[in-house]
Amino acid sequence: MWTAAAGAAVQSQNLDLIANNLANADTNAFKKDLPTFKEYLATAERNKDPQDIPRGPVKDKDLYPLDGRDQAFVVMDGTHISQRQGHLKVTHGPLDIAMDGPGFLEVSTPNGIRYTRDGALKVGADGRLVTREGFPVLSQESGGLSGLPGSGTGPAARFINLKDAPSPLTINERGEIYAGEDLVTKLNVVEFSSRNGLRKVGGQLFEVSPKVTANPATQTLVRQGALETSNVNPIEEMTNMIKSNRLFEHDLKAMRTFGDLMAKEVNEVGKL
């Protein structure tokens, strides 16, 4: 009974994860989440001291010392992010860029430096180059157009100022921004020593573990006029949803079967 209940609970969590992936199938640069499961033995997480026969309501954890058998359960151990690159969609937008490779754009947020692959950029009301959510995109070095440098210290000194920039704006494969024939600055595109250290913080932003090193991009090309699509395959996710639903139903059927057996034990065997 408890093994089937644990399986049903895990499949319910897995369905929530799949539903979130499907909901973001059209979100630019979205990275799908994958579940990880683990099995544990009940005795491995229980006190090793001998236990007496319980003197009250019998719980599932009390069954081991009574029948001498172990109990194995499955639990959701966590999730990890699939960093597979999505397809590149041509938009012809001058400020739309896609990362062709493992790189990320560095942006400044109220919570500190974050990283994104969503390249739908725009020029804010103050002339700064920002993300869709309004977070300033950072350059490798301080500055913007000549005579319009970034202000302040720290990340603020690396804000990209495009106020009154002459047309056209072009961004080459190295992330260098040109206003007409003049080089404005270079986007800070970074790659990580291990992408397993990235954690989602919402809005297609990632933060990194202190143990992960951010290095200048060497394997990433910046594609102007394109955006990266979600790496969610709707057909694959629908297949996973059907599979998880079937497993959930099987666990419920097992629980009902055990319930019927216990009902017979109480109502029929007790009469003998």
C-alpha atoms as a PDB file:
ATOM      1  CA  MET A   1       0.000   0.000   0.000  1.00  0.00           C
ATOM      2  CA  TRP A   2       2.654   2.522   1.028  1.00  0.00           C
ATOM      3  CA  THR A   3       4.922   1.651  -1.907  1.00  0.00           C
ATOM      4  CA  ALA A   4       2.071   2.291  -4.339  1.00  0.00           C
ATOM      5  CA  ALA A   5       1.175   5.538  -2.515  1.00  0.00           C
ATOM      6  CA  ALA A   6       4.793   6.743  -2.787  1.00  0.00           C
ATOM      7  CA  GLY A   7       4.804   5.948  -6.509  1.00  0.00           C
ATOM      8  CA  ALA A   8       1.546   7.843  -7.069  1.00  0.00           C
ATOM      9  CA  ALA A   9       2.875  10.886  -5.191  1.00  0.00           C
ATOM     10  CA  VAL A  10       6.039  10.943  -7.312  1.00  0.00           C
ATOM     11  CA  GLN A  11       4.101  10.644 -10.575  1.00  0.00           C
ATOM     12  CA  SER A  12       1.880  13.533  -9.461  1.00  0.00           C
ATOM     13  CA  GLN A  13       5.001  15.695  -8.989  1.00  0.00           C
ATOM     14  CA  ASN A  14       6.338  14.520 -12.345  1.00  0.00           C
ATOM     15  CA  LEU A  15       3.087  15.565 -14.047  1.00  0.00           C
ATOM     16  CA  ASP A  16       3.449  19.073 -12.591  1.00  0.00           C
ATOM     17  CA  LEU A  17       6.965  19.273 -14.045  1.00  0.00           C
ATOM     18  CA  ILE A  18       5.822  18.083 -17.482  1.00  0.00           C
ATOM     19  CA  ALA A  19       2.902  20.544 -17.439  1.00  0.00           C
ATOM     20  CA  ASN A  20       5.311  23.417 -16.732  1.00  0.00           C
ATOM     21  CA  ASN A  21       7.534  22.328 -19.626  1.00  0.00           C
ATOM     22  CA  LEU A  22       4.553  22.204 -21.989  1.00  0.00           C
ATOM     23  CA  ALA A  23       3.345  25.617 -20.818  1.00  0.00           C
ATOM     24  CA  ASN A  24       6.729  27.070 -21.857  1.00  0.00           C
ATOM     25  CA  ALA A  25       7.022  25.311 -25.208  1.00  0.00           C
ATOM     26  CA  ASP A  26       6.760  28.726 -26.941  1.00  0.00           C
ATOM     27  CA  THR A  27       8.876  30.698 -24.445  1.00  0.00           C
ATOM     28  CA  ASN A  28      12.096  32.026 -25.967  1.00  0.00           C
ATOM     29  CA  ALA A  29      15.256  30.307 -24.673  1.00  0.00           C
ATOM     30  CA  PHE A  30      13.330  28.240 -22.089  1.00  0.00           C
ATOM     31  CA  LYS A  31      15.255  25.226 -20.782  1.00  0.00           C
ATOM     32  CA  LYS A  32      13.160  22.219 -19.813  1.00  0.00           C
ATOM     33  CA  ASP A  33      13.390  20.598 -16.391  1.00  0.00           C
ATOM     34  CA  LEU A  34      13.997  16.883 -16.004  1.00  0.00           C
ATOM     35  CA  PRO A  35      13.123  14.914 -12.844  1.00  0.00           C
ATOM     36  CA  THR A  36      15.471  12.642 -10.943  1.00  0.00           C
ATOM     37  CA  PHE A  37      14.176   9.875  -8.710  1.00  0.00           C
ATOM     38  CA  LYS A  38      15.746   7.821  -5.980  1.00  0.00           C
ATOM     39  CA  GLU A  39      14.818   4.714  -4.039  1.00  0.00           C
ATOM     40  CA  TYR A  40      15.433   4.408  -0.346  1.00  0.00           C
ATOM     41  CA  LEU A  41      14.958   1.605   2.142  1.00  0.00           C
ATOM     42  CA  ALA A  42      12.842   2.437   5.137  1.00  0.00           C
ATOM     43  CA  THR A  43      15.319   0.796   7.512  1.00  0.00           C
ATOM     44  CA  ALA A  44      18.140   3.015   6.245  1.00  0.00           C
ATOM     45  CA  GLU A  45      16.334   6.090   7.619  1.00  0.00           C
ATOM     46  CA  ARG A  46      15.171   4.563  10.873  1.00  0.00           C
ATOM     47  CA  ASN A  47      16.751   4.182  14.275  1.00  0.00           C
ATOM     48  CA  LYS A  48      18.783   0.966  14.465  1.00  0.00           C
ATOM     49  CA  ASP A  49      17.834   0.343  18.110  1.00  0.00           C
ATOM     50  CA  PRO A  50      15.517  -2.631  18.759  1.00  0.00           C
ATOM     51  CA  GLN A  51      11.898  -1.618  18.989  1.00  0.00           C
ATOM     52  CA  ASP A  52       9.151  -3.092  21.099  1.00  0.00           C
ATOM     53  CA  ILE A  53       5.722  -3.964  19.769  1.00  0.00           C
ATOM     54  CA  PRO A  54       3.886  -0.632  19.352  1.00  0.00           C
ATOM     55  CA  ARG A  55       1.457   0.219  22.139  1.00  0.00           C
ATOM     56  CA  GLY A  56      -0.844   2.432  20.120  1.00  0.00           C
ATOM     57  CA  PRO A  57      -2.146   2.961  16.581  1.00  0.00           C
ATOM     58  CA  VAL A  58       0.017   1.026  14.127  1.00  0.00           C
ATOM     59  CA  LYS A  59       1.715   3.208  11.508  1.00  0.00           C
ATOM     60  CA  ASP A  60       3.533   2.190   8.355  1.00  0.00           C
ATOM     61  CA  LYS A  61       6.924   2.642  10.018  1.00  0.00           C
ATOM     62  CA  ASP A  62       5.932   0.118  12.695  1.00  0.00           C
ATOM     63  CA  LEU A  63       5.485  -2.726  10.203  1.00  0.00           C
ATOM     64  CA  TYR A  64       9.165  -3.592   9.853  1.00  0.00           C
ATOM     65  CA  PRO A  65       9.789  -4.920  13.368  1.00  0.00           C
ATOM     66  CA  LEU A  66       6.541  -6.917  13.130  1.00  0.00           C
ATOM     67  CA  ASP A  67       7.044  -8.862   9.903  1.00  0.00           C
ATOM     68  CA  GLY A  68      10.813  -8.748   9.391  1.00  0.00           C
ATOM     69  CA  ARG A  69      10.629  -7.327   5.853  1.00  0.00           C
ATOM     70  CA  ASP A  70      12.024  -4.077   4.565  1.00  0.00           C
ATOM     71  CA  GLN A  71      10.090  -1.356   2.763  1.00  0.00           C
ATOM     72  CA  ALA A  72      11.343   0.369  -0.369  1.00  0.00           C
ATOM     73  CA  PHE A  73       9.931   3.687  -1.589  1.00  0.00           C
ATOM     74  CA  VAL A  74      10.589   6.001  -4.501  1.00  0.00           C
ATOM     75  CA  VAL A  75      10.847   9.755  -4.012  1.00  0.00           C
ATOM     76  CA  MET A  76      11.532  12.785  -6.192  1.00  0.00           C
ATOM     77  CA  ASP A  77      15.213  13.500  -5.628  1.00  0.00           C
ATOM     78  CA  GLY A  78      15.137  16.828  -7.448  1.00  0.00           C
ATOM     79  CA  THR A  79      15.308  18.234 -10.953  1.00  0.00           C
ATOM     80  CA  HIS A  80      18.045  19.196 -13.344  1.00  0.00           C
ATOM     81  CA  ILE A  81      17.996  21.558 -16.303  1.00  0.00           C
ATOM     82  CA  SER A  82      18.391  20.341 -19.851  1.00  0.00           C
ATOM     83  CA  GLN A  83      20.902  22.711 -21.445  1.00  0.00           C
ATOM     84  CA  ARG A  84      20.254  21.438 -24.956  1.00  0.00           C
ATOM     85  CA  GLN A  85      20.160  24.360 -27.371  1.00  0.00           C
ATOM     86  CA  GLY A  86      16.792  25.256 -28.907  1.00  0.00           C
ATOM     87  CA  HIS A  87      16.280  25.998 -32.576  1.00  0.00           C
ATOM     88  CA  LEU A  88      17.170  29.456 -33.884  1.00  0.00           C
ATOM     89  CA  LYS A  89      14.192  31.434 -35.197  1.00  0.00           C
ATOM     90  CA  VAL A  90      14.879  34.229 -37.691  1.00  0.00           C
ATOM     91  CA  THR A  91      13.166  37.502 -36.734  1.00  0.00           C
ATOM     92  CA  HIS A  92      15.279  40.106 -38.625  1.00  0.00           C
ATOM     93  CA  GLY A  93      15.040  42.341 -35.538  1.00  0.00           C
ATOM     94  CA  PRO A  94      18.219  44.438 -35.205  1.00  0.00           C
ATOM     95  CA  LEU A  95      18.316  43.917 -31.418  1.00  0.00           C
ATOM     96  CA  ASP A  96      17.278  40.253 -31.462  1.00  0.00           C
ATOM     97  CA  ILE A  97      20.270  37.987 -30.849  1.00  0.00           C
ATOM     98  CA  ALA A  98      20.657  34.254 -30.341  1.00  0.00           C
ATOM     99  CA  MET A  99      23.510  32.413 -28.653  1.00  0.00           C
ATOM    100  CA  ASP A 100      24.757  29.752 -31.065  1.00  0.00           C
ATOM    101  CA  GLY A 101      26.724  27.668 -28.589  1.00  0.00           C
ATOM    102  CA  PRO A 102      26.901  27.243 -24.801  1.00  0.00           C
ATOM    103  CA  GLY A 103      27.256  30.960 -23.930  1.00  0.00           C
ATOM    104  CA  PHE A 104      25.067  33.250 -21.821  1.00  0.00           C
ATOM    105  CA  LEU A 105      24.530  37.009 -21.762  1.00  0.00           C
ATOM    106  CA  GLU A 106      25.486  38.749 -18.527  1.00  0.00           C
ATOM    107  CA  VAL A 107      22.817  41.106 -17.162  1.00  0.00           C
ATOM    108  CA  SER A 108      22.424  43.234 -14.056  1.00  0.00           C
ATOM    109  CA  THR A 109      19.357  42.763 -11.821  1.00  0.00           C
ATOM    110  CA  PRO A 110      18.336  44.177  -8.420  1.00  0.00           C
ATOM    111  CA  ASN A 111      19.446  40.825  -6.958  1.00  0.00           C
ATOM    112  CA  GLY A 112      22.888  40.909  -8.548  1.00  0.00           C
ATOM    113  CA  ILE A 113      24.502  39.575 -11.707  1.00  0.00           C
ATOM    114  CA  ARG A 114      22.399  37.016 -13.579  1.00  0.00           C
ATOM    115  CA  TYR A 115      22.735  35.219 -16.917  1.00  0.00           C
ATOM    116  CA  THR A 116      20.295  34.621 -19.748  1.00  0.00           C
ATOM    117  CA  ARG A 117      20.040  33.214 -23.253  1.00  0.00           C
ATOM    118  CA  ASP A 118      16.925  35.206 -24.100  1.00  0.00           C
ATOM    119  CA  GLY A 119      18.271  37.688 -26.613  1.00  0.00           C
ATOM    120  CA  ALA A 120      15.111  39.751 -27.189  1.00  0.00           C
ATOM    121  CA  LEU A 121      16.790  43.059 -26.354  1.00  0.00           C
ATOM    122  CA  LYS A 122      15.563  46.635 -26.599  1.00  0.00           C
ATOM    123  CA  VAL A 123      16.726  50.181 -25.914  1.00  0.00           C
ATOM    124  CA  GLY A 124      15.179  51.581 -22.750  1.00  0.00           C
ATOM    125  CA  ALA A 125      13.811  55.070 -22.241  1.00  0.00           C
ATOM    126  CA  ASP A 126      17.189  56.158 -20.826  1.00  0.00           C
ATOM    127  CA  GLY A 127      19.057  54.806 -23.859  1.00  0.00           C
ATOM    128  CA  ARG A 128      20.417  51.691 -22.155  1.00  0.00           C
ATOM    129  CA  LEU A 129      20.382  48.285 -23.812  1.00  0.00           C
ATOM    130  CA  VAL A 130      18.105  46.097 -21.685  1.00  0.00           C
ATOM    131  CA  THR A 131      16.400  42.709 -21.725  1.00  0.00           C
ATOM    132  CA  ARG A 132      12.696  42.172 -22.278  1.00  0.00           C
ATOM    133  CA  GLU A 133      12.156  42.612 -18.499  1.00  0.00           C
ATOM    134  CA  GLY A 134      14.183  45.835 -18.429  1.00  0.00           C
ATOM    135  CA  PHE A 135      17.428  44.505 -16.903  1.00  0.00           C
ATOM    136  CA  PRO A 136      20.565  46.226 -18.257  1.00  0.00           C
ATOM    137  CA  VAL A 137      22.793  44.109 -20.475  1.00  0.00           C
ATOM    138  CA  LEU A 138      26.473  44.320 -19.528  1.00  0.00           C
ATOM    139  CA  SER A 139      29.472  44.872 -21.760  1.00  0.00           C
ATOM    140  CA  GLN A 140      32.941  43.435 -21.287  1.00  0.00           C
ATOM    141  CA  GLU A 141      34.327  46.872 -20.441  1.00  0.00           C
ATOM    142  CA  SER A 142      32.963  50.201 -19.263  1.00  0.00           C
ATOM    143  CA  GLY A 143      31.383  52.440 -21.822  1.00  0.00           C
ATOM    144  CA  GLY A 144      28.792  53.071 -24.461  1.00  0.00           C
ATOM    145  CA  LEU A 145      28.897  55.499 -27.326  1.00  0.00           C
ATOM    146  CA  SER A 146      31.785  57.920 -27.381  1.00  0.00           C
ATOM    147  CA  GLY A 147      31.002  60.642 -24.878  1.00  0.00           C
ATOM    148  CA  LEU A 148      28.247  58.558 -23.254  1.00  0.00           C
ATOM    149  CA  PRO A 149      30.130  56.152 -20.976  1.00  0.00           C
ATOM    150  CA  GLY A 150      28.530  53.929 -18.396  1.00  0.00           C
ATOM    151  CA  SER A 151      28.264  55.611 -15.034  1.00  0.00           C
ATOM    152  CA  GLY A 152      29.093  54.515 -11.513  1.00  0.00           C
ATOM    153  CA  THR A 153      31.197  51.607 -10.407  1.00  0.00           C
ATOM    154  CA  GLY A 154      30.776  47.858 -10.565  1.00  0.00           C
ATOM    155  CA  PRO A 155      28.130  46.535 -12.985  1.00  0.00           C
ATOM    156  CA  ALA A 156      26.730  50.058 -13.499  1.00  0.00           C
ATOM    157  CA  ALA A 157      29.989  51.043 -15.211  1.00  0.00           C
ATOM    158  CA  ARG A 158      29.349  48.358 -17.832  1.00  0.00           C
ATOM    159  CA  PHE A 159      25.831  49.389 -18.849  1.00  0.00           C
ATOM    160  CA  ILE A 160      25.567  49.771 -22.624  1.00  0.00           C
ATOM    161  CA  ASN A 161      24.341  53.243 -23.580  1.00  0.00           C
ATOM    162  CA  LEU A 162      22.861  53.524 -27.077  1.00  0.00           C
ATOM    163  CA  LYS A 163      21.153  56.889 -26.672  1.00  0.00           C
ATOM    164  CA  ASP A 164      21.095  58.807 -29.957  1.00  0.00           C
ATOM    165  CA  ALA A 165      23.004  55.973 -31.633  1.00  0.00           C
ATOM    166  CA  PRO A 166      23.171  56.423 -35.417  1.00  0.00           C
ATOM    167  CA  SER A 167      21.590  53.737 -37.560  1.00  0.00           C
ATOM    168  CA  PRO A 168      22.018  50.996 -38.433  1.00  0.00           C
ATOM    169  CA  LEU A 169      22.941  49.022 -35.311  1.00  0.00           C
ATOM    170  CA  THR A 170      24.755  45.809 -36.132  1.00  0.00           C
ATOM    171  CA  ILE A 171      26.048  43.047 -33.880  1.00  0.00           C
ATOM    172  CA  ASN A 172      28.648  40.671 -35.256  1.00  0.00           C
ATOM    173  CA  GLU A 173      29.354  37.060 -34.308  1.00  0.00           C
ATOM    174  CA  ARG A 174      31.809  38.146 -31.590  1.00  0.00           C
ATOM    175  CA  GLY A 175      29.123  40.251 -29.882  1.00  0.00           C
ATOM    176  CA  GLU A 176      30.597  43.589 -30.966  1.00  0.00           C
ATOM    177  CA  ILE A 177      27.991  46.330 -31.401  1.00  0.00           C
ATOM    178  CA  TYR A 178      28.473  48.838 -34.212  1.00  0.00           C
ATOM    179  CA  ALA A 179      26.523  52.053 -34.698  1.00  0.00           C
ATOM    180  CA  GLY A 180      27.019  52.746 -38.362  1.00  0.00           C
ATOM    181  CA  GLU A 181      30.763  52.267 -38.839  1.00  0.00           C
ATOM    182  CA  ASP A 182      31.703  52.998 -35.226  1.00  0.00           C
ATOM    183  CA  LEU A 183      32.398  50.279 -32.669  1.00  0.00           C
ATOM    184  CA  VAL A 184      30.283  50.985 -29.579  1.00  0.00           C
ATOM    185  CA  THR A 185      31.149  48.141 -27.234  1.00  0.00           C
ATOM    186  CA  LYS A 186      31.174  44.369 -26.923  1.00  0.00           C
ATOM    187  CA  LEU A 187      28.548  42.238 -25.213  1.00  0.00           C
ATOM    188  CA  ASN A 188      29.818  40.182 -22.312  1.00  0.00           C
ATOM    189  CA  VAL A 189      29.034  36.635 -23.430  1.00  0.00           C
ATOM    190  CA  VAL A 190      30.341  34.040 -20.991  1.00  0.00           C
ATOM    191  CA  GLU A 191      30.654  30.272 -20.793  1.00  0.00           C
ATOM    192  CA  PHE A 192      30.768  28.237 -17.595  1.00  0.00           C
ATOM    193  CA  SER A 193      33.156  25.587 -16.384  1.00  0.00           C
ATOM    194  CA  SER A 194      30.110  23.472 -15.499  1.00  0.00           C
ATOM    195  CA  ARG A 195      26.540  24.285 -16.503  1.00  0.00           C
ATOM    196  CA  ASN A 196      25.345  21.941 -13.734  1.00  0.00           C
ATOM    197  CA  GLY A 197      25.972  24.835 -11.355  1.00  0.00           C
ATOM    198  CA  LEU A 198      23.269  26.996 -12.950  1.00  0.00           C
ATOM    199  CA  ARG A 199      19.954  27.508 -11.159  1.00  0.00           C
ATOM    200  CA  LYS A 200      16.778  29.077 -12.536  1.00  0.00           C
ATOM    201  CA  VAL A 201      15.568  32.237 -10.802  1.00  0.00           C
ATOM    202  CA  GLY A 202      12.632  33.067 -13.102  1.00  0.00           C
ATOM    203  CA  GLY A 203      12.238  35.157 -16.243  1.00  0.00           C
ATOM    204  CA  GLN A 204      14.742  32.975 -18.172  1.00  0.00           C
ATOM    205  CA  LEU A 205      17.467  34.152 -15.780  1.00  0.00           C
ATOM    206  CA  PHE A 206      20.056  31.932 -14.120  1.00  0.00           C
ATOM    207  CA  GLU A 207      22.334  32.353 -11.154  1.00  0.00           C
ATOM    208  CA  VAL A 208      25.510  30.342 -10.696  1.00  0.00           C
ATOM    209  CA  SER A 209      27.052  28.452  -7.828  1.00  0.00           C
ATOM    210  CA  PRO A 210      30.142  30.100  -6.275  1.00  0.00           C
ATOM    211  CA  LYS A 211      32.133  27.024  -7.335  1.00  0.00           C
ATOM    212  CA  VAL A 212      31.378  27.631 -11.019  1.00  0.00           C
ATOM    213  CA  THR A 213      33.734  29.821 -13.035  1.00  0.00           C
ATOM    214  CA  ALA A 214      32.472  32.190 -15.753  1.00  0.00           C
ATOM    215  CA  ASN A 215      34.929  32.559 -18.651  1.00  0.00           C
ATOM    216  CA  PRO A 216      34.860  34.674 -21.841  1.00  0.00           C
ATOM    217  CA  ALA A 217      33.023  32.783 -24.576  1.00  0.00           C
ATOM    218  CA  THR A 218      35.201  30.887 -27.049  1.00  0.00           C
ATOM    219  CA  GLN A 219      32.678  28.417 -28.488  1.00  0.00           C
ATOM    220  CA  THR A 220      29.664  30.739 -28.884  1.00  0.00           C
ATOM    221  CA  LEU A 221      28.673  32.839 -31.880  1.00  0.00           C
ATOM    222  CA  VAL A 222      26.168  35.691 -31.585  1.00  0.00           C
ATOM    223  CA  ARG A 223      23.523  35.591 -34.311  1.00  0.00           C
ATOM    224  CA  GLN A 224      21.845  38.938 -34.958  1.00  0.00           C
ATOM    225  CA  GLY A 225      18.254  38.948 -36.183  1.00  0.00           C
ATOM    226  CA  ALA A 226      17.386  35.614 -34.568  1.00  0.00           C
ATOM    227  CA  LEU A 227      16.083  34.242 -31.276  1.00  0.00           C
ATOM    228  CA  GLU A 228      16.567  30.881 -29.601  1.00  0.00           C
ATOM    229  CA  THR A 229      13.330  28.957 -29.142  1.00  0.00           C
ATOM    230  CA  SER A 230      12.430  26.686 -26.237  1.00  0.00           C
ATOM    231  CA  ASN A 231      14.176  23.309 -26.149  1.00  0.00           C
ATOM    232  CA  VAL A 232      10.882  21.629 -25.178  1.00  0.00           C
ATOM    233  CA  ASN A 233       9.647  19.062 -27.703  1.00  0.00           C
ATOM    234  CA  PRO A 234       5.829  19.077 -27.293  1.00  0.00           C
ATOM    235  CA  ILE A 235       5.421  15.583 -28.754  1.00  0.00           C
ATOM    236  CA  GLU A 236       8.046  14.175 -26.381  1.00  0.00           C
ATOM    237  CA  GLU A 237       6.441  15.930 -23.408  1.00  0.00           C
ATOM    238  CA  MET A 238       2.956  14.696 -24.341  1.00  0.00           C
ATOM    239  CA  THR A 239       4.346  11.169 -24.534  1.00  0.00           C
ATOM    240  CA  ASN A 240       5.918  11.588 -21.085  1.00  0.00           C
ATOM    241  CA  MET A 241       2.612  12.932 -19.761  1.00  0.00           C
ATOM    242  CA  ILE A 242       0.672   9.911 -21.042  1.00  0.00           C
ATOM    243  CA  LYS A 243       3.288   7.562 -19.564  1.00  0.00           C
ATOM    244  CA  SER A 244       3.209   9.315 -16.194  1.00  0.00           C
ATOM    245  CA  ASN A 245      -0.613   9.286 -16.176  1.00  0.00           C
ATOM    246  CA  ARG A 246      -0.652   5.537 -16.841  1.00  0.00           C
ATOM    247  CA  LEU A 247       1.821   4.879 -14.044  1.00  0.00           C
ATOM    248  CA  PHE A 248      -0.244   7.051 -11.696  1.00  0.00           C
ATOM    249  CA  GLU A 249      -3.376   5.069 -12.578  1.00  0.00           C
ATOM    250  CA  HIS A 250      -1.565   1.769 -11.995  1.00  0.00           C
ATOM    251  CA  ASP A 251      -0.456   2.915  -8.552  1.00  0.00           C
ATOM    252  CA  LEU A 252      -4.008   3.951  -7.680  1.00  0.00           C
ATOM    253  CA  LYS A 253      -5.281   0.578  -8.871  1.00  0.00           C
ATOM    254  CA  ALA A 254      -2.748  -1.167  -6.622  1.00  0.00           C
ATOM    255  CA  MET A 255      -3.882   0.960  -3.684  1.00  0.00           C
ATOM    256  CA  ARG A 256      -7.530   0.091  -4.345  1.00  0.00           C
ATOM    257  CA  THR A 257      -6.641  -3.604  -4.580  1.00  0.00           C
ATOM    258  CA  PHE A 258      -4.868  -3.537  -1.220  1.00  0.00           C
ATOM    259  CA  GLY A 259      -7.834  -1.630   0.220  1.00  0.00           C
ATOM    260  CA  ASP A 260     -10.233  -4.321  -1.000  1.00  0.00           C
ATOM    261  CA  LEU A 261      -8.003  -7.044   0.464  1.00  0.00           C
ATOM    262  CA  MET A 262      -7.928  -5.319   3.847  1.00  0.00           C
ATOM    263  CA  ALA A 263     -11.707  -4.877   3.729  1.00  0.00           C
ATOM    264  CA  LYS A 264     -12.134  -8.614   3.138  1.00  0.00           C
ATOM    265  CA  GLU A 265      -9.693  -9.353   5.927  1.00  0.00           C
ATOM    266  CA  VAL A 266     -11.743  -7.253   8.346  1.00  0.00           C
ATOM    267  CA  ASN A 267     -15.222  -8.206   7.201  1.00  0.00           C
ATOM    268  CA  GLU A 268     -14.862 -11.836   6.115  1.00  0.00           C
ATOM    269  CA  VAL A 269     -11.777 -13.412   7.676  1.00  0.00           C
ATOM    270  CA  GLY A 270     -12.771 -12.007  11.035  1.00  0.00           C
ATOM    271  CA  LYS A 271     -16.023 -14.030  10.926  1.00  0.00           C
ATOM    272  CA  LEU A 272     -14.194 -17.387  10.770  1.00  0.00           C
END
